[in-house]
C-alpha atoms as a PDB file:
ATOM      1  CA  UNK A   1      -6.035  -9.543   8.921  1.00  0.00           C
ATOM      2  CA  UNK A   2      -2.884  -9.758  10.683  1.00  0.00           C
ATOM      3  CA  UNK A   3      -2.979  -8.793  14.633  1.00  0.00           C
ATOM      4  CA  UNK A   4      -1.251  -5.489  15.434  1.00  0.00           C
ATOM      5  CA  UNK A   5       0.480  -4.836  18.793  1.00  0.00           C
ATOM      6  CA  UNK A   6       1.372  -1.303  19.413  1.00  0.00           C
ATOM      7  CA  UNK A   7       3.939  -0.136  22.095  1.00  0.00           C
ATOM      8  CA  UNK A   8       4.736   3.678  22.494  1.00  0.00           C
ATOM      9  CA  UNK A   9       8.248   4.821  23.331  1.00  0.00           C
ATOM     10  CA  UNK A  10       7.832   7.023  26.651  1.00  0.00           C
ATOM     11  CA  UNK A  11       8.080  10.824  25.776  1.00  0.00           C
ATOM     12  CA  UNK A  12       8.285  10.253  22.176  1.00  0.00           C
ATOM     13  CA  UNK A  13       6.224  10.168  19.244  1.00  0.00           C
ATOM     14  CA  UNK A  14       7.512   6.928  17.823  1.00  0.00           C
ATOM     15  CA  UNK A  15       5.297   3.890  17.987  1.00  0.00           C
ATOM     16  CA  UNK A  16       6.696   0.252  17.559  1.00  0.00           C
ATOM     17  CA  UNK A  17       4.254  -2.318  16.431  1.00  0.00           C
ATOM     18  CA  UNK A  18       4.471  -6.116  15.813  1.00  0.00           C
ATOM     19  CA  UNK A  19       2.438  -7.729  13.388  1.00  0.00           C
ATOM     20  CA  UNK A  20       1.296 -11.254  14.349  1.00  0.00           C
ATOM     21  CA  UNK A  21       1.086 -13.517  11.391  1.00  0.00           C
ATOM     22  CA  UNK A  22      -0.003 -17.363  11.039  1.00  0.00           C
ATOM     23  CA  UNK A  23       2.535 -19.301   9.188  1.00  0.00           C
ATOM     24  CA  UNK A  24       0.675 -21.775   6.685  1.00  0.00           C
ATOM     25  CA  UNK A  25       1.694 -24.174   3.732  1.00  0.00           C
ATOM     26  CA  UNK A  26       0.150 -24.603   0.409  1.00  0.00           C
ATOM     27  CA  UNK A  27       0.731 -26.806  -2.423  1.00  0.00           C
ATOM     28  CA  UNK A  28       1.381 -25.507  -5.813  1.00  0.00           C
ATOM     29  CA  UNK A  29       2.249 -27.189  -9.373  1.00  0.00           C
ATOM     30  CA  UNK A  30       5.695 -26.476 -10.445  1.00  0.00           C
ATOM     31  CA  UNK A  31       4.324 -24.229 -13.371  1.00  0.00           C
ATOM     32  CA  UNK A  32       2.292 -22.113 -10.531  1.00  0.00           C
ATOM     33  CA  UNK A  33       5.267 -21.684  -8.345  1.00  0.00           C
ATOM     34  CA  UNK A  34       7.885 -20.663 -10.958  1.00  0.00           C
ATOM     35  CA  UNK A  35       5.548 -18.328 -12.347  1.00  0.00           C
ATOM     36  CA  UNK A  36       4.941 -16.875  -8.920  1.00  0.00           C
ATOM     37  CA  UNK A  37       8.411 -16.612  -7.971  1.00  0.00           C
ATOM     38  CA  UNK A  38       9.045 -14.961 -11.600  1.00  0.00           C
ATOM     39  CA  UNK A  39       6.315 -12.288 -10.737  1.00  0.00           C
ATOM     40  CA  UNK A  40       7.671 -11.796  -7.253  1.00  0.00           C
ATOM     41  CA  UNK A  41      11.100 -11.300  -8.505  1.00  0.00           C
ATOM     42  CA  UNK A  42       9.894  -8.751 -11.167  1.00  0.00           C
ATOM     43  CA  UNK A  43       8.228  -6.833  -8.552  1.00  0.00           C
ATOM     44  CA  UNK A  44      10.878  -6.935  -6.196  1.00  0.00           C
ATOM     45  CA  UNK A  45       9.124  -8.785  -3.564  1.00  0.00           C
ATOM     46  CA  UNK A  46       9.295 -12.134  -1.650  1.00  0.00           C
ATOM     47  CA  UNK A  47       7.105 -15.118  -2.731  1.00  0.00           C
ATOM     48  CA  UNK A  48       5.165 -14.799   0.678  1.00  0.00           C
ATOM     49  CA  UNK A  49       4.446 -10.914  -0.116  1.00  0.00           C
ATOM     50  CA  UNK A  50       3.116 -11.662  -3.424  1.00  0.00           C
ATOM     51  CA  UNK A  51       0.871 -14.249  -2.052  1.00  0.00           C
ATOM     52  CA  UNK A  52      -0.229 -11.914   0.524  1.00  0.00           C
ATOM     53  CA  UNK A  53      -0.998  -9.273  -1.872  1.00  0.00           C
ATOM     54  CA  UNK A  54      -2.627 -11.617  -4.222  1.00  0.00           C
ATOM     55  CA  UNK A  55      -5.230 -12.680  -1.083  1.00  0.00           C
ATOM     56  CA  UNK A  56      -5.947  -9.005  -0.328  1.00  0.00           C
ATOM     57  CA  UNK A  57      -6.976  -8.486  -3.930  1.00  0.00           C
ATOM     58  CA  UNK A  58      -9.772 -11.018  -3.633  1.00  0.00           C
ATOM     59  CA  UNK A  59     -10.598 -10.893   0.204  1.00  0.00           C
ATOM     60  CA  UNK A  60     -12.790  -7.802   0.867  1.00  0.00           C
ATOM     61  CA  UNK A  61     -11.436  -5.187   2.863  1.00  0.00           C
ATOM     62  CA  UNK A  62     -12.739  -4.235   6.405  1.00  0.00           C
ATOM     63  CA  UNK A  63     -15.294  -1.713   5.563  1.00  0.00           C
ATOM     64  CA  UNK A  64     -14.624  -0.041   9.085  1.00  0.00           C
ATOM     65  CA  UNK A  65     -11.167   0.657   7.737  1.00  0.00           C
ATOM     66  CA  UNK A  66     -11.125   1.710   4.395  1.00  0.00           C
ATOM     67  CA  UNK A  67      -7.463   2.705   4.405  1.00  0.00           C
ATOM     68  CA  UNK A  68      -6.583  -0.913   5.014  1.00  0.00           C
ATOM     69  CA  UNK A  69      -7.268  -1.767   1.377  1.00  0.00           C
ATOM     70  CA  UNK A  70      -3.771  -0.071   0.712  1.00  0.00           C
ATOM     71  CA  UNK A  71      -1.829  -1.836   3.305  1.00  0.00           C
ATOM     72  CA  UNK A  72       1.552  -3.035   1.649  1.00  0.00           C
ATOM     73  CA  UNK A  73      -0.008  -2.366  -1.563  1.00  0.00           C
ATOM     74  CA  UNK A  74       1.400   1.188  -2.652  1.00  0.00           C
ATOM     75  CA  UNK A  75       4.236   1.341  -4.998  1.00  0.00           C
ATOM     76  CA  UNK A  76       5.469   4.784  -5.495  1.00  0.00           C
ATOM     77  CA  UNK A  77       9.308   4.036  -6.115  1.00  0.00           C
ATOM     78  CA  UNK A  78      10.239   6.636  -3.405  1.00  0.00           C
ATOM     79  CA  UNK A  79      12.003   5.031  -0.533  1.00  0.00           C
ATOM     80  CA  UNK A  80      10.645   7.656   1.437  1.00  0.00           C
ATOM     81  CA  UNK A  81       7.108   7.538   0.661  1.00  0.00           C
ATOM     82  CA  UNK A  82       5.965   6.799   4.217  1.00  0.00           C
ATOM     83  CA  UNK A  83       7.012  10.102   5.269  1.00  0.00           C
ATOM     84  CA  UNK A  84       4.552  11.537   2.422  1.00  0.00           C
ATOM     85  CA  UNK A  85       1.623   9.010   2.648  1.00  0.00           C
ATOM     86  CA  UNK A  86      -1.217  11.780   2.386  1.00  0.00           C
ATOM     87  CA  UNK A  87       0.504  12.451  -1.087  1.00  0.00           C
ATOM     88  CA  UNK A  88       1.012   8.849  -1.947  1.00  0.00           C
ATOM     89  CA  UNK A  89      -2.594   7.667  -1.163  1.00  0.00           C
ATOM     90  CA  UNK A  90      -4.429  10.959  -1.797  1.00  0.00           C
ATOM     91  CA  UNK A  91      -2.383  12.923  -4.161  1.00  0.00           C
ATOM     92  CA  UNK A  92      -1.968  15.922  -1.822  1.00  0.00           C
ATOM     93  CA  UNK A  93      -1.070  16.581   1.856  1.00  0.00           C
END
C-alpha cells in the first residue's frame, strides 16, 4: 500500500497529498508485454497502472479500510466523478 502524506492548506478545505511509491522492475516475455500494453491501451491507462490494478485485484484489501478496495479502480466515464464519489461508489448521495 503506498504511503500517503497529507498537507492542509491554511484557511481552506483543500488537502494536498503525495503518494510515495517504490519503483521496481519486472521481467515479462514479449507476449506478456505486448498483451499487457494492448490491454492498457484499450483501457486508456498506463502499463504501470494496469499492473497496479492487477496486483490490487489479487492482494487482499486492508480490512480496516474497506473503501480502499476501490482506490484507482472505479471507472464511471464521467470526468467529474470525483465530485460525486458517493453516487459512484454507493449509487446515491
